[in-house]
Amino acid sequence: MKIAERILLGPLMAGIWLSSPAMAAKAPLSDEGLRDEAQLIVVARITRIRIETESSTYEGPGNWDWAIYLSLAVESVEKGDFEAKSLEARCFRIKSRRSLTEYLTPGGHDPIPEAGTRVTAHLVKGPESWHVLEPNGIVPISNITPPSAPIAPSSKPGASDAKQVAELRSGYYTYLLPLEVWLLVVVVGAAILAVAGIIRKRRNLNRRLELTGSNES
């Protein structure tokens, strides 16, 4: 391996090692906090999960989220005015970010239970749909409790994520590597080219001097 290649690959590999994203987790809300912040609270059963790729909730262009829409069959309303029997509520998880610093935003909702799970959903009105309060606005009640059974709002059996949510790829960079590493590559590459140019000129100069000395002798 040439010296120039070693100079380039060293910082590049260090940048890749340092580029493992560190997501900023938003502190879970207490039961009281969920109730205070929610505009609508419903007891419902998740009937369907729909997943889309959408622009990031927090960051600008080039940053992407998994938008996870839960279809909810409403059983009762605990807070707010809502008369329909169903609604769709949006959760999200990070899909990709452009840079290391853009990962320092909330990472989305947890948990996002499987279809069929009975939940208490704490919601706020978004521009186009209801949004689940971050990060723990979906509180599982049970995945087997019949609708007529008594409800314990504080019950949190710790339901795991739905299978299709758990399988989502996350923690990636939009442009393969974070922008900070690409900047490092550009800077180091420019320095290597500059040094290589100087070395080439000195070699050419030495050759000319050697040829001149040979002709004189």
N, C-alpha and C. Protein backbone atom coordinates (compact mmCIF):
# COMPACT_ATOMS: atom_id res chain seq x y z
N MET A 1 0.84 -1.20 0.00
CA MET A 1 0.00 0.00 0.00
C MET A 1 0.88 1.25 0.00
N LYS A 2 0.61 2.18 -0.87
CA LYS A 2 1.40 3.39 -0.98
C LYS A 2 1.19 4.28 0.24
N ILE A 3 2.15 5.15 0.50
CA ILE A 3 2.07 6.04 1.65
C ILE A 3 0.84 6.95 1.54
N ALA A 4 0.57 7.45 0.32
CA ALA A 4 -0.59 8.33 0.13
C ALA A 4 -1.89 7.61 0.48
N GLU A 5 -1.96 6.32 0.11
CA GLU A 5 -3.17 5.56 0.42
C GLU A 5 -3.32 5.35 1.92
N ARG A 6 -2.19 5.12 2.61
CA ARG A 6 -2.25 4.97 4.07
C ARG A 6 -2.72 6.27 4.73
N ILE A 7 -2.24 7.38 4.22
CA ILE A 7 -2.63 8.68 4.80
C ILE A 7 -4.11 8.91 4.62
N LEU A 8 -4.67 8.50 3.47
CA LEU A 8 -6.10 8.69 3.21
C LEU A 8 -6.95 7.71 4.02
N LEU A 9 -6.58 6.43 4.03
CA LEU A 9 -7.41 5.41 4.65
C LEU A 9 -7.41 5.50 6.17
N GLY A 10 -6.32 5.98 6.76
CA GLY A 10 -6.28 6.10 8.22
C GLY A 10 -7.40 6.97 8.78
N PRO A 11 -7.46 8.25 8.39
CA PRO A 11 -8.56 9.10 8.87
C PRO A 11 -9.93 8.62 8.42
N LEU A 12 -10.00 8.01 7.21
CA LEU A 12 -11.29 7.53 6.72
C LEU A 12 -11.82 6.42 7.62
N MET A 13 -10.97 5.44 7.96
CA MET A 13 -11.41 4.35 8.82
C MET A 13 -11.74 4.86 10.22
N ALA A 14 -10.98 5.83 10.70
CA ALA A 14 -11.29 6.42 12.00
C ALA A 14 -12.64 7.12 11.96
N GLY A 15 -12.91 7.80 10.84
CA GLY A 15 -14.20 8.48 10.70
C GLY A 15 -15.35 7.51 10.68
N ILE A 16 -15.17 6.37 9.97
CA ILE A 16 -16.22 5.36 9.93
C ILE A 16 -16.47 4.79 11.32
N TRP A 17 -15.39 4.56 12.07
CA TRP A 17 -15.52 4.02 13.43
C TRP A 17 -16.27 5.00 14.33
N LEU A 18 -16.01 6.29 14.14
CA LEU A 18 -16.66 7.31 14.96
C LEU A 18 -18.07 7.63 14.49
N SER A 19 -18.46 7.10 13.33
CA SER A 19 -19.73 7.51 12.73
C SER A 19 -20.92 6.68 13.19
N SER A 20 -20.75 5.78 14.14
CA SER A 20 -21.88 5.02 14.67
C SER A 20 -22.84 5.99 15.33
N PRO A 21 -24.09 6.04 14.87
CA PRO A 21 -25.01 7.07 15.35
C PRO A 21 -25.39 6.89 16.81
N ALA A 22 -25.48 8.01 17.53
CA ALA A 22 -25.96 8.02 18.91
C ALA A 22 -27.26 8.79 18.93
N MET A 23 -28.37 8.05 19.07
CA MET A 23 -29.67 8.70 19.03
C MET A 23 -29.99 9.31 20.40
N ALA A 24 -30.63 10.47 20.36
CA ALA A 24 -31.02 11.13 21.59
C ALA A 24 -32.40 10.64 22.01
N ALA A 25 -32.44 9.90 23.10
CA ALA A 25 -33.72 9.35 23.57
C ALA A 25 -34.48 10.42 24.36
N LYS A 26 -35.74 10.57 24.03
CA LYS A 26 -36.60 11.50 24.76
C LYS A 26 -37.13 10.78 25.99
N ALA A 27 -37.08 11.45 27.14
CA ALA A 27 -37.50 10.82 28.39
C ALA A 27 -38.98 10.45 28.34
N PRO A 28 -39.34 9.23 28.76
CA PRO A 28 -40.75 8.85 28.77
C PRO A 28 -41.57 9.76 29.68
N LEU A 29 -42.80 10.00 29.28
CA LEU A 29 -43.72 10.80 30.09
C LEU A 29 -44.38 9.92 31.15
N SER A 30 -44.64 10.50 32.30
CA SER A 30 -45.36 9.80 33.35
C SER A 30 -46.84 9.67 32.95
N ASP A 31 -47.59 8.86 33.70
CA ASP A 31 -49.02 8.74 33.43
C ASP A 31 -49.69 10.11 33.49
N GLU A 32 -49.29 10.90 34.49
CA GLU A 32 -49.86 12.24 34.65
C GLU A 32 -49.45 13.15 33.49
N GLY A 33 -48.18 13.04 33.08
CA GLY A 33 -47.71 13.84 31.96
C GLY A 33 -48.42 13.51 30.67
N LEU A 34 -48.64 12.22 30.43
CA LEU A 34 -49.37 11.80 29.24
C LEU A 34 -50.78 12.37 29.22
N ARG A 35 -51.45 12.29 30.36
CA ARG A 35 -52.82 12.78 30.44
C ARG A 35 -52.88 14.29 30.27
N ASP A 36 -51.93 15.01 30.84
CA ASP A 36 -51.94 16.48 30.76
C ASP A 36 -51.67 16.96 29.34
N GLU A 37 -50.73 16.31 28.65
CA GLU A 37 -50.31 16.80 27.33
C GLU A 37 -51.22 16.33 26.20
N ALA A 38 -51.93 15.24 26.40
CA ALA A 38 -52.78 14.70 25.34
C ALA A 38 -54.01 15.57 25.11
N GLN A 39 -54.35 15.78 23.86
CA GLN A 39 -55.61 16.45 23.51
C GLN A 39 -56.76 15.44 23.42
N LEU A 40 -56.39 14.19 23.10
CA LEU A 40 -57.38 13.12 22.98
C LEU A 40 -56.77 11.84 23.54
N ILE A 41 -57.53 11.16 24.38
CA ILE A 41 -57.11 9.86 24.92
C ILE A 41 -58.22 8.87 24.62
N VAL A 42 -57.86 7.80 23.95
CA VAL A 42 -58.84 6.77 23.61
C VAL A 42 -58.33 5.40 24.03
N VAL A 43 -59.26 4.55 24.40
CA VAL A 43 -58.97 3.13 24.55
C VAL A 43 -59.38 2.48 23.23
N ALA A 44 -58.45 1.75 22.64
CA ALA A 44 -58.71 1.23 21.29
C ALA A 44 -57.91 -0.03 21.05
N ARG A 45 -58.24 -0.70 19.96
CA ARG A 45 -57.48 -1.86 19.53
C ARG A 45 -56.82 -1.53 18.20
N ILE A 46 -55.53 -1.87 18.11
CA ILE A 46 -54.81 -1.66 16.85
C ILE A 46 -55.28 -2.70 15.84
N THR A 47 -55.81 -2.23 14.72
CA THR A 47 -56.33 -3.15 13.71
C THR A 47 -55.40 -3.29 12.51
N ARG A 48 -54.55 -2.29 12.29
CA ARG A 48 -53.67 -2.33 11.10
C ARG A 48 -52.49 -1.41 11.33
N ILE A 49 -51.35 -1.78 10.76
CA ILE A 49 -50.15 -0.94 10.81
C ILE A 49 -49.69 -0.67 9.39
N ARG A 50 -49.55 0.60 9.06
CA ARG A 50 -49.10 1.01 7.72
C ARG A 50 -47.81 1.82 7.88
N ILE A 51 -46.80 1.48 7.09
CA ILE A 51 -45.49 2.12 7.22
C ILE A 51 -45.12 2.82 5.92
N GLU A 52 -44.70 4.08 6.03
CA GLU A 52 -44.28 4.89 4.89
C GLU A 52 -42.92 5.52 5.20
N THR A 53 -42.22 5.95 4.15
CA THR A 53 -41.01 6.76 4.31
C THR A 53 -41.37 8.22 4.12
N GLU A 54 -41.06 9.06 5.12
CA GLU A 54 -41.40 10.47 5.05
C GLU A 54 -40.23 11.32 5.53
N SER A 55 -40.25 12.60 5.17
CA SER A 55 -39.22 13.52 5.64
C SER A 55 -39.22 13.57 7.16
N SER A 56 -38.05 13.82 7.71
CA SER A 56 -37.89 13.81 9.16
C SER A 56 -38.82 14.81 9.85
N THR A 57 -39.31 14.40 11.00
CA THR A 57 -40.14 15.28 11.82
C THR A 57 -39.34 16.45 12.35
N TYR A 58 -38.06 16.24 12.65
CA TYR A 58 -37.25 17.24 13.33
C TYR A 58 -36.17 17.89 12.46
N GLU A 59 -35.67 17.15 11.46
CA GLU A 59 -34.54 17.66 10.68
C GLU A 59 -34.98 18.03 9.27
N GLY A 60 -34.06 18.68 8.53
CA GLY A 60 -34.38 19.22 7.22
C GLY A 60 -34.28 18.20 6.10
N PRO A 61 -34.28 18.67 4.84
CA PRO A 61 -34.23 17.79 3.67
C PRO A 61 -33.03 16.85 3.73
N GLY A 62 -33.23 15.64 3.22
CA GLY A 62 -32.17 14.64 3.23
C GLY A 62 -32.19 13.76 4.45
N ASN A 63 -33.06 14.06 5.40
CA ASN A 63 -33.23 13.23 6.60
C ASN A 63 -34.59 12.55 6.54
N TRP A 64 -34.62 11.25 6.86
CA TRP A 64 -35.83 10.46 6.64
C TRP A 64 -36.26 9.71 7.89
N ASP A 65 -37.58 9.59 8.03
CA ASP A 65 -38.18 8.82 9.12
C ASP A 65 -39.03 7.70 8.56
N TRP A 66 -39.20 6.65 9.36
CA TRP A 66 -40.26 5.68 9.11
C TRP A 66 -41.52 6.23 9.75
N ALA A 67 -42.50 6.58 8.95
CA ALA A 67 -43.80 7.02 9.47
C ALA A 67 -44.67 5.78 9.64
N ILE A 68 -45.09 5.54 10.88
CA ILE A 68 -45.82 4.32 11.22
C ILE A 68 -47.24 4.71 11.63
N TYR A 69 -48.20 4.37 10.80
CA TYR A 69 -49.59 4.76 11.03
C TYR A 69 -50.37 3.58 11.62
N LEU A 70 -50.98 3.84 12.76
CA LEU A 70 -51.77 2.82 13.45
C LEU A 70 -53.26 3.09 13.21
N SER A 71 -53.95 2.11 12.65
CA SER A 71 -55.41 2.19 12.56
C SER A 71 -55.98 1.70 13.87
N LEU A 72 -56.79 2.53 14.52
CA LEU A 72 -57.32 2.21 15.85
C LEU A 72 -58.84 2.09 15.81
N ALA A 73 -59.34 0.98 16.34
CA ALA A 73 -60.78 0.80 16.52
C ALA A 73 -61.12 1.30 17.93
N VAL A 74 -61.79 2.43 18.00
CA VAL A 74 -62.01 3.10 19.28
C VAL A 74 -63.12 2.40 20.07
N GLU A 75 -62.81 2.12 21.34
CA GLU A 75 -63.79 1.52 22.24
C GLU A 75 -64.40 2.57 23.17
N SER A 76 -63.56 3.48 23.65
CA SER A 76 -64.05 4.53 24.55
C SER A 76 -63.11 5.72 24.49
N VAL A 77 -63.65 6.88 24.89
CA VAL A 77 -62.88 8.12 24.91
C VAL A 77 -62.69 8.54 26.36
N GLU A 78 -61.44 8.70 26.77
CA GLU A 78 -61.14 9.07 28.15
C GLU A 78 -60.89 10.57 28.31
N LYS A 79 -60.53 11.23 27.22
CA LYS A 79 -60.30 12.68 27.27
C LYS A 79 -60.53 13.23 25.88
N GLY A 80 -61.19 14.40 25.78
CA GLY A 80 -61.44 15.04 24.50
C GLY A 80 -62.78 14.66 23.91
N ASP A 81 -63.08 15.29 22.79
CA ASP A 81 -64.33 15.03 22.08
C ASP A 81 -64.03 14.27 20.80
N PHE A 82 -64.60 13.09 20.69
CA PHE A 82 -64.38 12.27 19.49
C PHE A 82 -65.53 11.29 19.39
N GLU A 83 -66.22 11.31 18.27
CA GLU A 83 -67.42 10.49 18.12
C GLU A 83 -67.25 9.34 17.14
N ALA A 84 -66.23 9.40 16.29
CA ALA A 84 -66.05 8.33 15.30
C ALA A 84 -65.61 7.03 15.98
N LYS A 85 -65.79 5.94 15.28
CA LYS A 85 -65.45 4.63 15.82
C LYS A 85 -64.02 4.18 15.46
N SER A 86 -63.34 4.97 14.65
CA SER A 86 -61.98 4.60 14.27
C SER A 86 -61.18 5.86 13.94
N LEU A 87 -59.87 5.73 13.99
CA LEU A 87 -58.98 6.83 13.60
C LEU A 87 -57.63 6.24 13.25
N GLU A 88 -56.81 7.07 12.63
CA GLU A 88 -55.45 6.69 12.29
C GLU A 88 -54.50 7.63 13.03
N ALA A 89 -53.51 7.06 13.72
CA ALA A 89 -52.57 7.84 14.51
C ALA A 89 -51.14 7.57 14.03
N ARG A 90 -50.34 8.63 13.98
CA ARG A 90 -48.98 8.53 13.43
C ARG A 90 -47.95 8.39 14.54
N CYS A 91 -47.10 7.39 14.41
CA CYS A 91 -45.87 7.25 15.19
C CYS A 91 -44.70 7.37 14.22
N PHE A 92 -43.47 7.36 14.73
CA PHE A 92 -42.32 7.35 13.82
C PHE A 92 -41.11 6.71 14.49
N ARG A 93 -40.20 6.29 13.65
CA ARG A 93 -38.84 5.89 14.03
C ARG A 93 -37.87 6.49 13.03
N ILE A 94 -36.65 6.74 13.45
CA ILE A 94 -35.65 7.29 12.52
C ILE A 94 -35.28 6.23 11.49
N LYS A 95 -35.21 6.65 10.24
CA LYS A 95 -34.73 5.78 9.16
C LYS A 95 -33.28 6.11 8.83
N SER A 96 -33.00 7.37 8.45
CA SER A 96 -31.63 7.76 8.14
C SER A 96 -31.46 9.26 8.39
N ARG A 97 -30.21 9.64 8.62
CA ARG A 97 -29.85 11.04 8.80
C ARG A 97 -28.63 11.33 7.95
N ARG A 98 -28.43 12.61 7.62
CA ARG A 98 -27.29 13.00 6.79
C ARG A 98 -26.00 13.05 7.59
N SER A 99 -26.08 13.39 8.88
CA SER A 99 -24.87 13.66 9.66
C SER A 99 -25.00 13.11 11.07
N LEU A 100 -23.87 13.09 11.76
CA LEU A 100 -23.85 12.66 13.16
C LEU A 100 -24.72 13.56 14.02
N THR A 101 -24.58 14.87 13.84
CA THR A 101 -25.31 15.82 14.69
C THR A 101 -26.82 15.73 14.49
N GLU A 102 -27.24 15.34 13.28
CA GLU A 102 -28.68 15.26 13.02
C GLU A 102 -29.31 14.01 13.64
N TYR A 103 -28.48 13.13 14.19
CA TYR A 103 -29.02 12.01 14.97
C TYR A 103 -29.32 12.43 16.41
N LEU A 104 -28.88 13.62 16.81
CA LEU A 104 -29.10 14.07 18.18
C LEU A 104 -30.48 14.69 18.34
N THR A 105 -31.48 13.96 17.89
CA THR A 105 -32.89 14.36 18.01
C THR A 105 -33.66 13.14 18.52
N PRO A 106 -34.88 13.33 19.02
CA PRO A 106 -35.65 12.18 19.51
C PRO A 106 -35.76 11.08 18.46
N GLY A 107 -35.65 9.83 18.94
CA GLY A 107 -35.60 8.68 18.03
C GLY A 107 -36.95 8.09 17.69
N GLY A 108 -38.04 8.63 18.24
CA GLY A 108 -39.36 8.14 17.89
C GLY A 108 -40.09 7.49 19.04
N HIS A 109 -41.10 6.69 18.71
CA HIS A 109 -42.01 6.13 19.71
C HIS A 109 -41.61 4.71 20.12
N ASP A 110 -41.90 4.39 21.36
CA ASP A 110 -41.61 3.08 21.90
C ASP A 110 -42.51 2.83 23.11
N PRO A 111 -43.27 1.73 23.12
CA PRO A 111 -43.33 0.70 22.09
C PRO A 111 -44.36 1.03 21.02
N ILE A 112 -44.30 0.25 19.93
CA ILE A 112 -45.32 0.30 18.88
C ILE A 112 -45.82 -1.14 18.74
N PRO A 113 -46.88 -1.51 19.46
CA PRO A 113 -47.27 -2.92 19.56
C PRO A 113 -47.87 -3.50 18.28
N GLU A 114 -48.01 -4.79 18.32
CA GLU A 114 -48.54 -5.56 17.20
C GLU A 114 -50.03 -5.26 16.99
N ALA A 115 -50.48 -5.43 15.75
CA ALA A 115 -51.91 -5.34 15.47
C ALA A 115 -52.65 -6.37 16.32
N GLY A 116 -53.79 -5.97 16.86
CA GLY A 116 -54.55 -6.82 17.76
C GLY A 116 -54.40 -6.43 19.21
N THR A 117 -53.37 -5.63 19.51
CA THR A 117 -53.13 -5.21 20.88
C THR A 117 -54.12 -4.13 21.30
N ARG A 118 -54.62 -4.24 22.50
CA ARG A 118 -55.52 -3.24 23.07
C ARG A 118 -54.67 -2.21 23.81
N VAL A 119 -54.88 -0.93 23.53
CA VAL A 119 -54.00 0.12 24.04
C VAL A 119 -54.80 1.31 24.53
N THR A 120 -54.12 2.13 25.35
CA THR A 120 -54.59 3.48 25.61
C THR A 120 -53.70 4.41 24.79
N ALA A 121 -54.31 5.15 23.88
CA ALA A 121 -53.55 6.01 22.97
C ALA A 121 -53.71 7.47 23.39
N HIS A 122 -52.57 8.13 23.63
CA HIS A 122 -52.53 9.54 24.02
C HIS A 122 -52.14 10.34 22.79
N LEU A 123 -53.03 11.19 22.31
CA LEU A 123 -52.87 11.79 20.98
C LEU A 123 -52.92 13.31 21.03
N VAL A 124 -52.26 13.90 20.03
CA VAL A 124 -52.38 15.33 19.77
C VAL A 124 -52.70 15.50 18.29
N LYS A 125 -53.36 16.58 17.95
CA LYS A 125 -53.77 16.80 16.56
C LYS A 125 -52.61 17.35 15.75
N GLY A 126 -52.29 16.64 14.66
CA GLY A 126 -51.25 17.10 13.75
C GLY A 126 -51.86 17.81 12.56
N PRO A 127 -51.03 18.27 11.61
CA PRO A 127 -51.54 18.98 10.44
C PRO A 127 -52.51 18.15 9.59
N GLU A 128 -52.25 16.84 9.49
CA GLU A 128 -53.07 16.01 8.62
C GLU A 128 -53.70 14.81 9.33
N SER A 129 -53.22 14.48 10.52
CA SER A 129 -53.74 13.31 11.23
C SER A 129 -53.44 13.46 12.71
N TRP A 130 -53.96 12.52 13.49
CA TRP A 130 -53.61 12.47 14.89
C TRP A 130 -52.19 11.93 15.06
N HIS A 131 -51.44 12.52 15.99
CA HIS A 131 -50.08 12.07 16.28
C HIS A 131 -50.04 11.52 17.70
N VAL A 132 -49.31 10.42 17.87
CA VAL A 132 -49.13 9.84 19.20
C VAL A 132 -48.10 10.68 19.96
N LEU A 133 -48.38 10.94 21.24
CA LEU A 133 -47.43 11.68 22.06
C LEU A 133 -46.10 10.93 22.15
N GLU A 134 -45.00 11.66 22.04
CA GLU A 134 -43.67 11.05 22.15
C GLU A 134 -43.23 11.01 23.61
N PRO A 135 -42.45 9.97 23.95
CA PRO A 135 -42.13 8.80 23.13
C PRO A 135 -43.01 7.59 23.45
N ASN A 136 -43.83 7.70 24.50
CA ASN A 136 -44.54 6.52 25.02
C ASN A 136 -46.04 6.74 25.10
N GLY A 137 -46.59 7.41 24.06
CA GLY A 137 -48.01 7.71 24.08
C GLY A 137 -48.93 6.53 23.81
N ILE A 138 -48.36 5.41 23.38
CA ILE A 138 -49.15 4.18 23.22
C ILE A 138 -48.86 3.29 24.42
N VAL A 139 -49.88 3.08 25.26
CA VAL A 139 -49.72 2.27 26.46
C VAL A 139 -50.49 0.96 26.27
N PRO A 140 -49.79 -0.15 26.12
CA PRO A 140 -50.49 -1.43 25.93
C PRO A 140 -51.30 -1.80 27.17
N ILE A 141 -52.52 -2.29 26.94
CA ILE A 141 -53.34 -2.82 28.03
C ILE A 141 -53.21 -4.34 28.01
N SER A 142 -53.47 -4.93 26.86
CA SER A 142 -53.33 -6.36 26.69
C SER A 142 -53.53 -6.68 25.23
N ASN A 143 -52.96 -7.79 24.81
CA ASN A 143 -53.22 -8.24 23.43
C ASN A 143 -54.27 -9.35 23.39
N ILE A 144 -54.85 -9.67 24.56
CA ILE A 144 -55.85 -10.74 24.59
C ILE A 144 -57.11 -10.34 25.35
N THR A 145 -57.07 -9.16 26.04
CA THR A 145 -58.21 -8.76 26.85
C THR A 145 -59.42 -8.46 25.98
N PRO A 146 -60.57 -9.04 26.23
CA PRO A 146 -61.76 -8.73 25.45
C PRO A 146 -62.23 -7.31 25.73
N PRO A 147 -62.91 -6.66 24.78
CA PRO A 147 -63.33 -5.27 24.94
C PRO A 147 -64.17 -5.03 26.18
N SER A 148 -64.90 -6.02 26.68
CA SER A 148 -65.78 -5.81 27.82
C SER A 148 -65.06 -5.90 29.15
N ALA A 149 -63.78 -6.29 29.16
CA ALA A 149 -63.06 -6.46 30.42
C ALA A 149 -62.71 -5.12 31.03
N PRO A 150 -62.56 -5.06 32.37
CA PRO A 150 -62.18 -3.82 33.03
C PRO A 150 -60.83 -3.32 32.53
N ILE A 151 -60.66 -1.99 32.48
CA ILE A 151 -59.44 -1.39 31.94
C ILE A 151 -58.61 -0.83 33.08
N ALA A 152 -57.32 -1.13 33.08
CA ALA A 152 -56.39 -0.57 34.06
C ALA A 152 -55.41 0.31 33.32
N PRO A 153 -55.66 1.64 33.24
CA PRO A 153 -54.82 2.52 32.42
C PRO A 153 -53.35 2.48 32.77
N SER A 154 -53.02 2.20 34.03
CA SER A 154 -51.61 2.20 34.41
C SER A 154 -50.93 0.87 34.11
N SER A 155 -51.70 -0.11 33.60
CA SER A 155 -51.13 -1.41 33.30
C SER A 155 -50.20 -1.31 32.10
N LYS A 156 -48.94 -1.74 32.27
CA LYS A 156 -47.95 -1.68 31.19
C LYS A 156 -47.24 -3.02 31.10
N PRO A 157 -47.83 -3.99 30.41
CA PRO A 157 -47.24 -5.31 30.35
C PRO A 157 -45.94 -5.38 29.56
N GLY A 158 -45.49 -4.26 29.01
CA GLY A 158 -44.22 -4.24 28.30
C GLY A 158 -44.27 -4.96 26.97
N ALA A 159 -45.29 -4.68 26.20
CA ALA A 159 -45.43 -5.30 24.89
C ALA A 159 -44.24 -4.94 24.01
N SER A 160 -43.78 -5.90 23.25
CA SER A 160 -42.69 -5.64 22.33
C SER A 160 -43.23 -4.98 21.08
N ASP A 161 -42.31 -4.53 20.21
CA ASP A 161 -42.73 -3.90 18.96
C ASP A 161 -43.39 -4.91 18.03
N ALA A 162 -44.26 -4.39 17.18
CA ALA A 162 -44.83 -5.21 16.12
C ALA A 162 -43.71 -5.75 15.24
N LYS A 163 -43.93 -6.92 14.66
CA LYS A 163 -42.89 -7.58 13.87
C LYS A 163 -42.38 -6.69 12.75
N GLN A 164 -43.29 -6.03 12.01
CA GLN A 164 -42.82 -5.21 10.89
C GLN A 164 -42.10 -3.95 11.36
N VAL A 165 -42.38 -3.50 12.58
CA VAL A 165 -41.66 -2.36 13.14
C VAL A 165 -40.28 -2.79 13.59
N ALA A 166 -40.20 -3.94 14.26
CA ALA A 166 -38.91 -4.44 14.74
C ALA A 166 -37.95 -4.72 13.59
N GLU A 167 -38.49 -5.03 12.41
CA GLU A 167 -37.64 -5.36 11.27
C GLU A 167 -37.19 -4.14 10.47
N LEU A 168 -37.66 -2.96 10.83
CA LEU A 168 -37.26 -1.75 10.10
C LEU A 168 -35.78 -1.48 10.28
N ARG A 169 -35.12 -1.15 9.19
CA ARG A 169 -33.70 -0.78 9.26
C ARG A 169 -33.58 0.67 9.68
N SER A 170 -32.76 0.91 10.69
CA SER A 170 -32.61 2.26 11.22
C SER A 170 -31.15 2.50 11.56
N GLY A 171 -30.82 3.77 11.83
CA GLY A 171 -29.46 4.09 12.20
C GLY A 171 -28.50 4.19 11.04
N TYR A 172 -29.03 4.46 9.85
CA TYR A 172 -28.19 4.57 8.67
C TYR A 172 -28.01 6.03 8.26
N TYR A 173 -27.06 6.25 7.33
CA TYR A 173 -26.82 7.59 6.82
C TYR A 173 -27.32 7.70 5.39
N THR A 174 -27.93 8.82 5.09
CA THR A 174 -28.54 9.04 3.77
C THR A 174 -27.52 8.90 2.65
N TYR A 175 -26.30 9.37 2.89
CA TYR A 175 -25.25 9.35 1.86
C TYR A 175 -24.15 8.36 2.23
N LEU A 176 -24.52 7.21 2.78
CA LEU A 176 -23.64 6.10 3.12
C LEU A 176 -22.80 6.40 4.36
N LEU A 177 -22.14 7.56 4.38
CA LEU A 177 -21.36 8.01 5.53
C LEU A 177 -21.89 9.38 5.97
N PRO A 178 -21.69 9.74 7.24
CA PRO A 178 -22.13 11.07 7.68
C PRO A 178 -21.37 12.18 6.96
N LEU A 179 -22.01 13.34 6.85
CA LEU A 179 -21.39 14.46 6.15
C LEU A 179 -20.06 14.84 6.78
N GLU A 180 -19.93 14.68 8.10
CA GLU A 180 -18.67 15.02 8.77
C GLU A 180 -17.51 14.17 8.24
N VAL A 181 -17.80 12.89 7.96
CA VAL A 181 -16.75 12.01 7.44
C VAL A 181 -16.42 12.36 5.99
N TRP A 182 -17.46 12.68 5.19
CA TRP A 182 -17.19 13.10 3.81
C TRP A 182 -16.34 14.36 3.78
N LEU A 183 -16.60 15.29 4.70
CA LEU A 183 -15.78 16.51 4.77
C LEU A 183 -14.34 16.14 5.10
N LEU A 184 -14.16 15.20 6.03
CA LEU A 184 -12.81 14.75 6.38
C LEU A 184 -12.13 14.13 5.17
N VAL A 185 -12.87 13.32 4.41
CA VAL A 185 -12.30 12.69 3.22
C VAL A 185 -11.86 13.74 2.22
N VAL A 186 -12.69 14.77 2.01
CA VAL A 186 -12.36 15.83 1.05
C VAL A 186 -11.11 16.58 1.49
N VAL A 187 -11.04 16.94 2.78
CA VAL A 187 -9.90 17.70 3.29
C VAL A 187 -8.62 16.88 3.18
N VAL A 188 -8.69 15.61 3.64
CA VAL A 188 -7.51 14.76 3.59
C VAL A 188 -7.12 14.48 2.14
N GLY A 189 -8.12 14.24 1.28
CA GLY A 189 -7.82 14.00 -0.13
C GLY A 189 -7.14 15.18 -0.79
N ALA A 190 -7.62 16.39 -0.48
CA ALA A 190 -7.00 17.59 -1.04
C ALA A 190 -5.56 17.74 -0.55
N ALA A 191 -5.35 17.41 0.74
CA ALA A 191 -3.98 17.50 1.28
C ALA A 191 -3.07 16.49 0.60
N ILE A 192 -3.57 15.28 0.37
CA ILE A 192 -2.77 14.25 -0.29
C ILE A 192 -2.40 14.67 -1.71
N LEU A 193 -3.39 15.22 -2.43
CA LEU A 193 -3.12 15.68 -3.79
C LEU A 193 -2.07 16.78 -3.80
N ALA A 194 -2.16 17.68 -2.81
CA ALA A 194 -1.19 18.78 -2.74
C ALA A 194 0.21 18.23 -2.46
N VAL A 195 0.31 17.30 -1.49
CA VAL A 195 1.62 16.72 -1.16
C VAL A 195 2.16 15.92 -2.34
N ALA A 196 1.28 15.15 -3.01
CA ALA A 196 1.71 14.37 -4.17
C ALA A 196 2.22 15.28 -5.28
N GLY A 197 1.56 16.43 -5.46
CA GLY A 197 2.00 17.38 -6.48
C GLY A 197 3.38 17.93 -6.16
N ILE A 198 3.60 18.23 -4.89
CA ILE A 198 4.92 18.76 -4.49
C ILE A 198 6.00 17.71 -4.70
N ILE A 199 5.71 16.45 -4.30
CA ILE A 199 6.68 15.36 -4.47
C ILE A 199 6.99 15.15 -5.94
N ARG A 200 5.95 15.20 -6.81
CA ARG A 200 6.15 14.99 -8.23
C ARG A 200 7.05 16.09 -8.82
N LYS A 201 6.81 17.33 -8.39
CA LYS A 201 7.63 18.44 -8.89
C LYS A 201 9.08 18.30 -8.47
N ARG A 202 9.28 17.85 -7.20
CA ARG A 202 10.67 17.69 -6.72
C ARG A 202 11.37 16.57 -7.48
N ARG A 203 10.63 15.50 -7.76
CA ARG A 203 11.23 14.40 -8.52
C ARG A 203 11.61 14.84 -9.92
N ASN A 204 10.71 15.59 -10.55
CA ASN A 204 11.00 16.09 -11.90
C ASN A 204 12.21 17.02 -11.88
N LEU A 205 12.26 17.85 -10.83
CA LEU A 205 13.39 18.76 -10.71
C LEU A 205 14.69 17.98 -10.52
N ASN A 206 14.66 16.95 -9.69
CA ASN A 206 15.86 16.13 -9.46
C ASN A 206 16.29 15.43 -10.74
N ARG A 207 15.32 14.95 -11.53
CA ARG A 207 15.67 14.29 -12.79
C ARG A 207 16.36 15.26 -13.74
N ARG A 208 15.81 16.50 -13.80
CA ARG A 208 16.42 17.50 -14.69
C ARG A 208 17.83 17.83 -14.24
N LEU A 209 18.02 17.91 -12.92
CA LEU A 209 19.36 18.22 -12.40
C LEU A 209 20.33 17.08 -12.70
N GLU A 210 19.85 15.82 -12.59
CA GLU A 210 20.69 14.67 -12.89
C GLU A 210 21.06 14.66 -14.38
N LEU A 211 20.08 14.96 -15.25
CA LEU A 211 20.35 14.98 -16.67
C LEU A 211 21.35 16.08 -17.01
N THR A 212 21.18 17.22 -16.37
CA THR A 212 22.11 18.34 -16.61
C THR A 212 23.52 17.96 -16.18
N GLY A 213 23.66 17.32 -15.00
CA GLY A 213 24.97 16.90 -14.53
C GLY A 213 25.60 15.86 -15.44
N SER A 214 24.79 14.97 -15.99
CA SER A 214 25.30 13.94 -16.89
C SER A 214 25.80 14.54 -18.19
N ASN A 215 25.07 15.53 -18.71
CA ASN A 215 25.49 16.17 -19.96
C ASN A 215 26.78 16.94 -19.78
N GLU A 216 26.94 17.58 -18.61
CA GLU A 216 28.16 18.37 -18.38
C GLU A 216 29.39 17.50 -18.23
N SER A 217 29.17 16.29 -17.69
CA SER A 217 30.33 15.38 -17.53
C SER A 217 30.67 14.69 -18.85
